[in-house]
Amino acid sequence: MSASSHVPVLLQESVEALNVCPDGIYVDCTFGRGGHSRAILARLAENGRLIALDRDLAAVEAAGAIKDKRFLLVHSGFSGLRRVLSELGIGKVNGVLLDIGISSPQIDTAERGFSFRLDGPLDMRMDQSRGQTAAEFLATASEQQLREVIKDYGEERFAKQVARAIVAARAGGLPVATTRQLAKIVADAVPKTEPGQDPATRTFQALRIFLNQELEELSLTLPQCVDVLAPGGRLAVISFHSLEDRIVKRFIRSEQDRDTLPSRFPVRASELPPSRLLAVGRAIRSSASEIAANPRSRSAVLRVAERTAAT
């Protein structure tokens, strides 16, 4: 899929939120197909700089189309943010953007195994150069482990039934090796109670998040963002489901509201550590027109925070 066929979500809103300084240094932690990166580059002057990260080899290849001396892409998950900047000799940056989750090219490529609508091998790895595939996990996981993953990462009410069905299929000599096989197993196990939503939606989400350690990556990265941001620098995070957004919301709140001690705790307000982040405005969601043009944007939430001078 070409960069032009991938529609970046909340493009204008997220780039505006970064409050780009023409000579600043910015990090796009999730390059994807470069929609946000190109928009940031368009606002940078000759001395500005943009560092992009992505663990998807297809995204790394796509980045080769950007011929700009101000731009550099590094093959890395976003939890490598601090390490990457250190290796490049960069101390502080003026903005960090994270567009969490899965990209349209990943969903729309059957061979990646992310979509239950396209038949392909059950891979689901964002970085196909390492790690366990979904098929390998499903072949060895216990019923209890399957149930916990599907419930915790997919918020699936029928996780027990799905896990039992996968184990039963496996015991019957049917390897769960393709997306279509897994989708059918889930559809047969889950009552279709939500109109418009495929029964396999939550199970596929759960496996993808678990295998790629997406929530762990996010939790490791957010504190690094605060550490590398210069005073006045902005953090902009786009998330697509409640598990991610909850982590981002709580993190910003914890950095902003440092006065979380019990009311009778023997410490004066002046002695509490100052806030390192301040939330900027309220959460931003896709407009009706964006959702109409790109239905995948309907669940997107953008949260923005600004780094203070506190150490």
C-alpha atoms as a PDB file:
ATOM      1  CA  MET A   1       0.000   0.000   0.000  1.00  0.00           C
ATOM      2  CA  SER A   2       1.378   3.412  -0.884  1.00  0.00           C
ATOM      3  CA  ALA A   3       1.743   6.244   1.581  1.00  0.00           C
ATOM      4  CA  SER A   4      -0.940   8.170  -0.273  1.00  0.00           C
ATOM      5  CA  SER A   5      -3.507   5.411   0.263  1.00  0.00           C
ATOM      6  CA  HIS A   6      -3.035   5.415   4.030  1.00  0.00           C
ATOM      7  CA  VAL A   7      -5.062   8.112   5.777  1.00  0.00           C
ATOM      8  CA  PRO A   8      -3.435   9.353   9.021  1.00  0.00           C
ATOM      9  CA  VAL A   9      -5.956   9.906  11.801  1.00  0.00           C
ATOM     10  CA  LEU A  10      -6.415  13.302  13.472  1.00  0.00           C
ATOM     11  CA  LEU A  11      -3.626  14.643  11.272  1.00  0.00           C
ATOM     12  CA  GLN A  12      -4.195  18.365  11.571  1.00  0.00           C
ATOM     13  CA  GLU A  13      -5.252  18.175  15.213  1.00  0.00           C
ATOM     14  CA  SER A  14      -2.180  16.235  16.344  1.00  0.00           C
ATOM     15  CA  VAL A  15       0.339  18.337  14.409  1.00  0.00           C
ATOM     16  CA  GLU A  16      -1.309  21.539  15.646  1.00  0.00           C
ATOM     17  CA  ALA A  17      -1.108  20.136  19.181  1.00  0.00           C
ATOM     18  CA  LEU A  18       2.674  19.776  18.885  1.00  0.00           C
ATOM     19  CA  ASN A  19       2.920  23.553  18.388  1.00  0.00           C
ATOM     20  CA  VAL A  20       5.848  22.980  16.024  1.00  0.00           C
ATOM     21  CA  CYS A  21       8.817  25.320  16.369  1.00  0.00           C
ATOM     22  CA  PRO A  22      10.478  25.648  12.929  1.00  0.00           C
ATOM     23  CA  ASP A  23      13.977  24.994  14.287  1.00  0.00           C
ATOM     24  CA  GLY A  24      12.923  22.373  16.817  1.00  0.00           C
ATOM     25  CA  ILE A  25      13.616  18.655  17.139  1.00  0.00           C
ATOM     26  CA  TYR A  26      10.615  16.313  17.016  1.00  0.00           C
ATOM     27  CA  VAL A  27      10.015  12.582  17.319  1.00  0.00           C
ATOM     28  CA  ASP A  28       7.317  10.620  15.507  1.00  0.00           C
ATOM     29  CA  CYS A  29       7.378   7.413  17.533  1.00  0.00           C
ATOM     30  CA  THR A  30       5.070   5.551  15.139  1.00  0.00           C
ATOM     31  CA  PHE A  31       6.013   6.377  11.526  1.00  0.00           C
ATOM     32  CA  GLY A  32       3.516   4.005   9.858  1.00  0.00           C
ATOM     33  CA  ARG A  33       3.382   5.357   6.319  1.00  0.00           C
ATOM     34  CA  GLY A  34       4.618   8.799   7.245  1.00  0.00           C
ATOM     35  CA  GLY A  35       1.480  10.930   7.137  1.00  0.00           C
ATOM     36  CA  HIS A  36       2.189  12.669  10.428  1.00  0.00           C
ATOM     37  CA  SER A  37       5.919  12.835   9.717  1.00  0.00           C
ATOM     38  CA  ARG A  38       5.377  14.622   6.402  1.00  0.00           C
ATOM     39  CA  ALA A  39       3.056  17.121   8.055  1.00  0.00           C
ATOM     40  CA  ILE A  40       5.649  17.867  10.747  1.00  0.00           C
ATOM     41  CA  LEU A  41       8.429  18.230   8.166  1.00  0.00           C
ATOM     42  CA  ALA A  42       6.285  20.730   6.273  1.00  0.00           C
ATOM     43  CA  ARG A  43       6.371  22.980   9.338  1.00  0.00           C
ATOM     44  CA  LEU A  44      10.083  22.681  10.042  1.00  0.00           C
ATOM     45  CA  ALA A  45      12.681  25.132   8.786  1.00  0.00           C
ATOM     46  CA  GLU A  46      16.064  24.156   7.370  1.00  0.00           C
ATOM     47  CA  ASN A  47      17.586  23.637  10.805  1.00  0.00           C
ATOM     48  CA  GLY A  48      14.662  21.626  12.174  1.00  0.00           C
ATOM     49  CA  ARG A  49      14.933  17.887  12.681  1.00  0.00           C
ATOM     50  CA  LEU A  50      12.549  14.928  12.795  1.00  0.00           C
ATOM     51  CA  ILE A  51      13.417  11.501  14.173  1.00  0.00           C
ATOM     52  CA  ALA A  52      10.934   8.715  13.421  1.00  0.00           C
ATOM     53  CA  LEU A  53      10.696   5.248  14.961  1.00  0.00           C
ATOM     54  CA  ASP A  54       8.882   2.130  13.797  1.00  0.00           C
ATOM     55  CA  ARG A  55       9.341  -1.581  14.425  1.00  0.00           C
ATOM     56  CA  ASP A  56       7.488  -2.634  11.275  1.00  0.00           C
ATOM     57  CA  LEU A  57       9.947  -3.470   8.489  1.00  0.00           C
ATOM     58  CA  ALA A  58       7.376  -2.437   5.866  1.00  0.00           C
ATOM     59  CA  ALA A  59       7.219   1.013   7.476  1.00  0.00           C
ATOM     60  CA  VAL A  60      11.007   1.223   7.491  1.00  0.00           C
ATOM     61  CA  GLU A  61      11.013   0.455   3.777  1.00  0.00           C
ATOM     62  CA  ALA A  62       8.307   3.057   3.124  1.00  0.00           C
ATOM     63  CA  ALA A  63      10.380   5.696   4.931  1.00  0.00           C
ATOM     64  CA  GLY A  64      12.978   5.388   2.204  1.00  0.00           C
ATOM     65  CA  ALA A  65      10.703   7.477  -0.006  1.00  0.00           C
ATOM     66  CA  ILE A  66      11.376  10.551   2.165  1.00  0.00           C
ATOM     67  CA  LYS A  67      14.535  12.169   0.839  1.00  0.00           C
ATOM     68  CA  ASP A  68      15.099  14.915   3.370  1.00  0.00           C
ATOM     69  CA  LYS A  69      18.285  15.639   5.295  1.00  0.00           C
ATOM     70  CA  ARG A  70      16.186  16.786   8.268  1.00  0.00           C
ATOM     71  CA  PHE A  71      14.599  13.333   8.591  1.00  0.00           C
ATOM     72  CA  LEU A  72      15.889  10.048  10.007  1.00  0.00           C
ATOM     73  CA  LEU A  73      13.996   6.803  10.652  1.00  0.00           C
ATOM     74  CA  VAL A  74      15.249   4.210  13.127  1.00  0.00           C
ATOM     75  CA  HIS A  75      13.996   0.594  13.214  1.00  0.00           C
ATOM     76  CA  SER A  76      12.846   0.407  16.836  1.00  0.00           C
ATOM     77  CA  GLY A  77       9.791   0.049  19.001  1.00  0.00           C
ATOM     78  CA  PHE A  78       8.850   3.313  20.678  1.00  0.00           C
ATOM     79  CA  SER A  79      10.029   2.024  24.058  1.00  0.00           C
ATOM     80  CA  GLY A  80      13.528   2.511  22.621  1.00  0.00           C
ATOM     81  CA  LEU A  81      12.982   6.287  22.526  1.00  0.00           C
ATOM     82  CA  ARG A  82      15.557   7.287  25.155  1.00  0.00           C
ATOM     83  CA  ARG A  83      18.183   4.875  23.804  1.00  0.00           C
ATOM     84  CA  VAL A  84      17.716   6.038  20.202  1.00  0.00           C
ATOM     85  CA  LEU A  85      18.038   9.713  21.110  1.00  0.00           C
ATOM     86  CA  SER A  86      21.081   9.005  23.264  1.00  0.00           C
ATOM     87  CA  GLU A  87      22.791   7.151  20.413  1.00  0.00           C
ATOM     88  CA  LEU A  88      22.091  10.118  18.134  1.00  0.00           C
ATOM     89  CA  GLY A  89      23.541  12.541  20.665  1.00  0.00           C
ATOM     90  CA  ILE A  90      20.196  14.271  21.216  1.00  0.00           C
ATOM     91  CA  GLY A  91      19.459  15.415  24.756  1.00  0.00           C
ATOM     92  CA  LYS A  92      16.099  17.161  24.601  1.00  0.00           C
ATOM     93  CA  VAL A  93      13.358  17.432  21.975  1.00  0.00           C
ATOM     94  CA  ASN A  94      10.512  19.865  21.425  1.00  0.00           C
ATOM     95  CA  GLY A  95       7.746  17.377  20.774  1.00  0.00           C
ATOM     96  CA  VAL A  96       6.848  13.685  20.739  1.00  0.00           C
ATOM     97  CA  LEU A  97       3.959  12.119  18.837  1.00  0.00           C
ATOM     98  CA  LEU A  98       2.606   8.612  19.410  1.00  0.00           C
ATOM     99  CA  ASP A  99      -0.086   7.161  17.156  1.00  0.00           C
ATOM    100  CA  ILE A 100      -0.781   3.919  19.006  1.00  0.00           C
ATOM    101  CA  GLY A 101      -2.187   0.743  17.558  1.00  0.00           C
ATOM    102  CA  ILE A 102      -2.360  -0.798  14.134  1.00  0.00           C
ATOM    103  CA  SER A 103      -2.077   0.920  10.754  1.00  0.00           C
ATOM    104  CA  SER A 104      -4.310   0.456   7.720  1.00  0.00           C
ATOM    105  CA  PRO A 105      -1.536  -1.167   5.653  1.00  0.00           C
ATOM    106  CA  GLN A 106      -1.068  -3.773   8.380  1.00  0.00           C
ATOM    107  CA  ILE A 107      -4.791  -4.504   8.494  1.00  0.00           C
ATOM    108  CA  ASP A 108      -5.218  -4.577   4.727  1.00  0.00           C
ATOM    109  CA  THR A 109      -2.316  -6.934   3.991  1.00  0.00           C
ATOM    110  CA  ALA A 110      -3.650 -10.488   4.352  1.00  0.00           C
ATOM    111  CA  GLU A 111      -0.177 -11.972   4.881  1.00  0.00           C
ATOM    112  CA  ARG A 112       0.246  -9.996   8.111  1.00  0.00           C
ATOM    113  CA  GLY A 113      -2.613 -11.897   9.757  1.00  0.00           C
ATOM    114  CA  PHE A 114      -4.190  -8.947  11.565  1.00  0.00           C
ATOM    115  CA  SER A 115      -7.586  -9.006   9.860  1.00  0.00           C
ATOM    116  CA  PHE A 116     -10.371 -11.545  10.326  1.00  0.00           C
ATOM    117  CA  ARG A 117     -11.892 -10.289   7.069  1.00  0.00           C
ATOM    118  CA  LEU A 118      -8.916 -11.416   4.957  1.00  0.00           C
ATOM    119  CA  ASP A 119      -7.666 -14.996   4.901  1.00  0.00           C
ATOM    120  CA  GLY A 120      -3.980 -15.277   5.666  1.00  0.00           C
ATOM    121  CA  PRO A 121      -1.453 -16.827   8.027  1.00  0.00           C
ATOM    122  CA  LEU A 122      -1.924 -16.030  11.708  1.00  0.00           C
ATOM    123  CA  ASP A 123       1.158 -13.889  12.180  1.00  0.00           C
ATOM    124  CA  MET A 124       0.105 -10.613  13.879  1.00  0.00           C
ATOM    125  CA  ARG A 125       3.675  -9.498  14.653  1.00  0.00           C
ATOM    126  CA  MET A 126       4.364  -5.832  14.077  1.00  0.00           C
ATOM    127  CA  ASP A 127       8.058  -6.645  13.841  1.00  0.00           C
ATOM    128  CA  GLN A 128       8.235  -9.757  11.684  1.00  0.00           C
ATOM    129  CA  SER A 129      11.958 -10.109  12.303  1.00  0.00           C
ATOM    130  CA  ARG A 130      11.417 -11.420  15.816  1.00  0.00           C
ATOM    131  CA  GLY A 131       8.944 -12.865  18.292  1.00  0.00           C
ATOM    132  CA  GLN A 132       6.229 -15.494  18.387  1.00  0.00           C
ATOM    133  CA  THR A 133       3.440 -15.578  15.808  1.00  0.00           C
ATOM    134  CA  ALA A 134      -0.210 -15.832  16.787  1.00  0.00           C
ATOM    135  CA  ALA A 135      -0.356 -19.351  15.324  1.00  0.00           C
ATOM    136  CA  GLU A 136       2.613 -20.433  17.450  1.00  0.00           C
ATOM    137  CA  PHE A 137       1.013 -18.977  20.578  1.00  0.00           C
ATOM    138  CA  LEU A 138      -2.356 -20.614  19.910  1.00  0.00           C
ATOM    139  CA  ALA A 139      -0.651 -23.974  19.353  1.00  0.00           C
ATOM    140  CA  THR A 140       0.935 -24.076  22.802  1.00  0.00           C
ATOM    141  CA  ALA A 141      -1.022 -21.812  25.193  1.00  0.00           C
ATOM    142  CA  SER A 142      -3.087 -23.410  27.922  1.00  0.00           C
ATOM    143  CA  GLU A 143      -6.822 -22.835  28.103  1.00  0.00           C
ATOM    144  CA  GLN A 144      -6.353 -20.661  31.179  1.00  0.00           C
ATOM    145  CA  GLN A 145      -3.729 -18.522  29.478  1.00  0.00           C
ATOM    146  CA  LEU A 146      -5.910 -18.101  26.402  1.00  0.00           C
ATOM    147  CA  ARG A 147      -8.860 -17.104  28.567  1.00  0.00           C
ATOM    148  CA  GLU A 148      -6.810 -14.518  30.465  1.00  0.00           C
ATOM    149  CA  VAL A 149      -5.321 -12.973  27.322  1.00  0.00           C
ATOM    150  CA  ILE A 150      -8.669 -12.728  25.529  1.00  0.00           C
ATOM    151  CA  LYS A 151     -10.403 -11.310  28.584  1.00  0.00           C
ATOM    152  CA  ASP A 152      -7.698  -8.872  29.694  1.00  0.00           C
ATOM    153  CA  TYR A 153      -6.604  -7.518  26.312  1.00  0.00           C
ATOM    154  CA  GLY A 154      -9.829  -7.909  24.355  1.00  0.00           C
ATOM    155  CA  GLU A 155     -12.337  -7.247  27.133  1.00  0.00           C
ATOM    156  CA  GLU A 156     -14.249 -10.192  25.719  1.00  0.00           C
ATOM    157  CA  ARG A 157     -17.166 -11.320  27.900  1.00  0.00           C
ATOM    158  CA  PHE A 158     -17.089 -14.768  26.314  1.00  0.00           C
ATOM    159  CA  ALA A 159     -13.356 -15.335  26.761  1.00  0.00           C
ATOM    160  CA  LYS A 160     -13.959 -18.640  28.527  1.00  0.00           C
ATOM    161  CA  GLN A 161     -16.011 -20.017  25.625  1.00  0.00           C
ATOM    162  CA  VAL A 162     -13.498 -18.833  23.023  1.00  0.00           C
ATOM    163  CA  ALA A 163     -10.543 -20.330  24.864  1.00  0.00           C
ATOM    164  CA  ARG A 164     -12.356 -23.621  25.265  1.00  0.00           C
ATOM    165  CA  ALA A 165     -13.240 -23.688  21.546  1.00  0.00           C
ATOM    166  CA  ILE A 166      -9.635 -23.045  20.493  1.00  0.00           C
ATOM    167  CA  VAL A 167      -8.348 -25.834  22.715  1.00  0.00           C
ATOM    168  CA  ALA A 168     -11.071 -28.180  21.445  1.00  0.00           C
ATOM    169  CA  ALA A 169     -10.148 -27.443  17.820  1.00  0.00           C
ATOM    170  CA  ARG A 170      -6.521 -28.075  18.636  1.00  0.00           C
ATOM    171  CA  ALA A 171      -7.331 -31.350  20.381  1.00  0.00           C
ATOM    172  CA  GLY A 172      -9.352 -32.429  17.355  1.00  0.00           C
ATOM    173  CA  GLY A 173      -6.263 -32.202  15.183  1.00  0.00           C
ATOM    174  CA  LEU A 174      -7.190 -28.873  13.590  1.00  0.00           C
ATOM    175  CA  PRO A 175      -4.222 -26.472  13.743  1.00  0.00           C
ATOM    176  CA  VAL A 176      -5.374 -22.885  14.138  1.00  0.00           C
ATOM    177  CA  ALA A 177      -3.040 -21.489  11.498  1.00  0.00           C
ATOM    178  CA  THR A 178      -5.068 -18.974   9.465  1.00  0.00           C
ATOM    179  CA  THR A 179      -7.190 -15.943  10.191  1.00  0.00           C
ATOM    180  CA  ARG A 180     -10.262 -17.523   8.636  1.00  0.00           C
ATOM    181  CA  GLN A 181      -9.936 -20.634  10.826  1.00  0.00           C
ATOM    182  CA  LEU A 182      -9.685 -18.573  13.986  1.00  0.00           C
ATOM    183  CA  ALA A 183     -12.546 -16.254  12.977  1.00  0.00           C
ATOM    184  CA  LYS A 184     -14.827 -19.249  12.419  1.00  0.00           C
ATOM    185  CA  ILE A 185     -13.907 -20.843  15.742  1.00  0.00           C
ATOM    186  CA  VAL A 186     -14.686 -17.584  17.547  1.00  0.00           C
ATOM    187  CA  ALA A 187     -17.904 -16.980  15.611  1.00  0.00           C
ATOM    188  CA  ASP A 188     -19.155 -20.434  16.571  1.00  0.00           C
ATOM    189  CA  ALA A 189     -18.300 -19.829  20.245  1.00  0.00           C
ATOM    190  CA  VAL A 190     -19.504 -16.242  20.754  1.00  0.00           C
ATOM    191  CA  PRO A 191     -23.151 -15.141  20.638  1.00  0.00           C
ATOM    192  CA  LYS A 192     -23.542 -12.297  18.155  1.00  0.00           C
ATOM    193  CA  THR A 193     -24.857  -9.707  20.584  1.00  0.00           C
ATOM    194  CA  GLU A 194     -23.381  -6.481  19.180  1.00  0.00           C
ATOM    195  CA  PRO A 195     -24.905  -5.346  15.858  1.00  0.00           C
ATOM    196  CA  GLY A 196     -22.304  -4.358  13.291  1.00  0.00           C
ATOM    197  CA  GLN A 197     -19.365  -5.899  15.138  1.00  0.00           C
ATOM    198  CA  ASP A 198     -17.831  -9.184  14.025  1.00  0.00           C
ATOM    199  CA  PRO A 199     -17.673 -11.753  16.854  1.00  0.00           C
ATOM    200  CA  ALA A 200     -13.922 -12.155  16.231  1.00  0.00           C
ATOM    201  CA  THR A 201     -13.122  -8.467  16.764  1.00  0.00           C
ATOM    202  CA  ARG A 202     -12.197  -8.639  20.433  1.00  0.00           C
ATOM    203  CA  THR A 203     -10.244 -11.904  20.184  1.00  0.00           C
ATOM    204  CA  PHE A 204      -8.117 -10.618  17.301  1.00  0.00           C
ATOM    205  CA  GLN A 205      -7.498  -7.390  19.198  1.00  0.00           C
ATOM    206  CA  ALA A 206      -6.470  -9.299  22.304  1.00  0.00           C
ATOM    207  CA  LEU A 207      -3.988 -11.528  20.513  1.00  0.00           C
ATOM    208  CA  ARG A 208      -2.439  -8.601  18.649  1.00  0.00           C
ATOM    209  CA  ILE A 209      -1.989  -6.493  21.780  1.00  0.00           C
ATOM    210  CA  PHE A 210      -0.622  -9.416  23.773  1.00  0.00           C
ATOM    211  CA  LEU A 211       1.849 -10.646  21.156  1.00  0.00           C
ATOM    212  CA  ASN A 212       3.220  -7.174  20.464  1.00  0.00           C
ATOM    213  CA  GLN A 213       3.209  -6.154  24.148  1.00  0.00           C
ATOM    214  CA  GLU A 214       1.497  -2.949  23.122  1.00  0.00           C
ATOM    215  CA  LEU A 215       0.334  -1.853  26.563  1.00  0.00           C
ATOM    216  CA  GLU A 216       3.717  -2.615  28.098  1.00  0.00           C
ATOM    217  CA  GLU A 217       5.436  -0.629  25.317  1.00  0.00           C
ATOM    218  CA  LEU A 218       3.170   2.336  25.985  1.00  0.00           C
ATOM    219  CA  SER A 219       3.688   2.205  29.747  1.00  0.00           C
ATOM    220  CA  LEU A 220       7.478   2.088  29.282  1.00  0.00           C
ATOM    221  CA  THR A 221       7.492   4.921  26.761  1.00  0.00           C
ATOM    222  CA  LEU A 222       5.398   7.616  28.443  1.00  0.00           C
ATOM    223  CA  PRO A 223       7.904   8.312  31.268  1.00  0.00           C
ATOM    224  CA  GLN A 224      10.678   8.475  28.661  1.00  0.00           C
ATOM    225  CA  CYS A 225       8.718  11.111  26.765  1.00  0.00           C
ATOM    226  CA  VAL A 226       8.648  13.317  29.845  1.00  0.00           C
ATOM    227  CA  ASP A 227      12.379  12.809  30.380  1.00  0.00           C
ATOM    228  CA  VAL A 228      13.367  13.806  26.827  1.00  0.00           C
ATOM    229  CA  LEU A 229      10.987  16.751  26.397  1.00  0.00           C
ATOM    230  CA  ALA A 230      12.418  20.235  26.812  1.00  0.00           C
ATOM    231  CA  PRO A 231      10.396  22.721  28.896  1.00  0.00           C
ATOM    232  CA  GLY A 232       7.450  23.838  26.775  1.00  0.00           C
ATOM    233  CA  GLY A 233       7.711  20.712  24.630  1.00  0.00           C
ATOM    234  CA  ARG A 234       4.497  18.887  23.776  1.00  0.00           C
ATOM    235  CA  LEU A 235       3.456  15.242  24.039  1.00  0.00           C
ATOM    236  CA  ALA A 236       0.603  14.165  21.736  1.00  0.00           C
ATOM    237  CA  VAL A 237      -0.815  10.645  21.969  1.00  0.00           C
ATOM    238  CA  ILE A 238      -3.486   9.133  19.719  1.00  0.00           C
ATOM    239  CA  SER A 239      -5.076   5.948  21.049  1.00  0.00           C
ATOM    240  CA  PHE A 240      -7.802   3.741  19.626  1.00  0.00           C
ATOM    241  CA  HIS A 241      -9.317   1.774  22.485  1.00  0.00           C
ATOM    242  CA  SER A 242     -10.031   2.163  26.164  1.00  0.00           C
ATOM    243  CA  LEU A 243      -7.079   0.100  27.385  1.00  0.00           C
ATOM    244  CA  GLU A 244      -4.572   2.448  25.730  1.00  0.00           C
ATOM    245  CA  ASP A 245      -6.439   5.660  26.475  1.00  0.00           C
ATOM    246  CA  ARG A 246      -6.796   4.726  30.130  1.00  0.00           C
ATOM    247  CA  ILE A 247      -3.015   4.368  30.450  1.00  0.00           C
ATOM    248  CA  VAL A 248      -2.386   7.728  28.757  1.00  0.00           C
ATOM    249  CA  LYS A 249      -5.064   9.551  30.741  1.00  0.00           C
ATOM    250  CA  ARG A 250      -3.867   8.191  34.086  1.00  0.00           C
ATOM    251  CA  PHE A 251      -0.229   8.912  33.271  1.00  0.00           C
ATOM    252  CA  ILE A 252      -0.852  12.558  32.402  1.00  0.00           C
ATOM    253  CA  ARG A 253      -3.021  12.937  35.487  1.00  0.00           C
ATOM    254  CA  SER A 254      -0.361  11.374  37.721  1.00  0.00           C
ATOM    255  CA  GLU A 255       2.296  13.749  36.367  1.00  0.00           C
ATOM    256  CA  GLN A 256       0.044  16.773  36.656  1.00  0.00           C
ATOM    257  CA  ASP A 257      -1.619  16.093  39.993  1.00  0.00           C
ATOM    258  CA  ARG A 258       1.400  15.405  42.165  1.00  0.00           C
ATOM    259  CA  ASP A 259      -0.622  16.269  45.276  1.00  0.00           C
ATOM    260  CA  THR A 260      -2.069  12.779  45.680  1.00  0.00           C
ATOM    261  CA  LEU A 261      -1.061  12.194  49.311  1.00  0.00           C
ATOM    262  CA  PRO A 262      -3.679  11.609  52.037  1.00  0.00           C
ATOM    263  CA  SER A 263      -5.192  14.825  53.386  1.00  0.00           C
ATOM    264  CA  ARG A 264      -3.611  14.404  56.827  1.00  0.00           C
ATOM    265  CA  PHE A 265      -0.179  13.412  55.536  1.00  0.00           C
ATOM    266  CA  PRO A 266       2.419  15.585  57.378  1.00  0.00           C
ATOM    267  CA  VAL A 267       3.766  17.365  54.276  1.00  0.00           C
ATOM    268  CA  ARG A 268       3.099  20.913  53.187  1.00  0.00           C
ATOM    269  CA  ALA A 269       1.873  21.620  49.674  1.00  0.00           C
ATOM    270  CA  SER A 270       5.055  23.617  49.006  1.00  0.00           C
ATOM    271  CA  GLU A 271       7.123  20.526  49.785  1.00  0.00           C
ATOM    272  CA  LEU A 272       5.408  18.320  47.207  1.00  0.00           C
ATOM    273  CA  PRO A 273       7.221  17.706  43.909  1.00  0.00           C
ATOM    274  CA  PRO A 274       6.100  20.108  41.156  1.00  0.00           C
ATOM    275  CA  SER A 275       4.156  18.843  38.168  1.00  0.00           C
ATOM    276  CA  ARG A 276       6.271  17.776  35.177  1.00  0.00           C
ATOM    277  CA  LEU A 277       3.341  17.699  32.740  1.00  0.00           C
ATOM    278  CA  LEU A 278       0.252  19.838  32.290  1.00  0.00           C
ATOM    279  CA  ALA A 279      -2.697  18.614  30.235  1.00  0.00           C
ATOM    280  CA  VAL A 280      -3.475  20.849  27.258  1.00  0.00           C
ATOM    281  CA  GLY A 281      -7.212  21.114  26.702  1.00  0.00           C
ATOM    282  CA  ARG A 282      -9.571  18.166  26.688  1.00  0.00           C
ATOM    283  CA  ALA A 283      -9.377  14.911  24.791  1.00  0.00           C
ATOM    284  CA  ILE A 284      -9.920  15.425  21.055  1.00  0.00           C
ATOM    285  CA  ARG A 285     -11.941  13.013  18.944  1.00  0.00           C
ATOM    286  CA  SER A 286     -12.383  12.652  15.203  1.00  0.00           C
ATOM    287  CA  SER A 287     -14.960  14.922  13.617  1.00  0.00           C
ATOM    288  CA  ALA A 288     -18.070  13.584  11.920  1.00  0.00           C
ATOM    289  CA  SER A 289     -16.571  14.434   8.532  1.00  0.00           C
ATOM    290  CA  GLU A 290     -13.348  12.546   9.275  1.00  0.00           C
ATOM    291  CA  ILE A 291     -15.279   9.493  10.460  1.00  0.00           C
ATOM    292  CA  ALA A 292     -17.392   9.600   7.294  1.00  0.00           C
ATOM    293  CA  ALA A 293     -14.245   9.711   5.145  1.00  0.00           C
ATOM    294  CA  ASN A 294     -12.294   7.228   7.282  1.00  0.00           C
ATOM    295  CA  PRO A 295     -14.491   4.968   9.493  1.00  0.00           C
ATOM    296  CA  ARG A 296     -11.400   3.567  11.232  1.00  0.00           C
ATOM    297  CA  SER A 297     -10.953   6.949  12.906  1.00  0.00           C
ATOM    298  CA  ARG A 298     -14.202   6.682  14.884  1.00  0.00           C
ATOM    299  CA  SER A 299     -12.539   5.380  18.063  1.00  0.00           C
ATOM    300  CA  ALA A 300      -9.474   7.659  17.966  1.00  0.00           C
ATOM    301  CA  VAL A 301      -8.742   9.858  20.988  1.00  0.00           C
ATOM    302  CA  LEU A 302      -5.979  12.482  21.099  1.00  0.00           C
ATOM    303  CA  ARG A 303      -4.567  13.647  24.423  1.00  0.00           C
ATOM    304  CA  VAL A 304      -2.007  16.418  24.686  1.00  0.00           C
ATOM    305  CA  ALA A 305       0.284  17.559  27.494  1.00  0.00           C
ATOM    306  CA  GLU A 306       3.037  20.132  27.850  1.00  0.00           C
ATOM    307  CA  ARG A 307       6.331  19.693  29.693  1.00  0.00           C
ATOM    308  CA  THR A 308       6.948  22.127  32.524  1.00  0.00           C
ATOM    309  CA  ALA A 309      10.345  23.323  33.748  1.00  0.00           C
ATOM    310  CA  ALA A 310      10.134  21.050  36.804  1.00  0.00           C
ATOM    311  CA  THR A 311      12.921  18.519  37.259  1.00  0.00           C
END
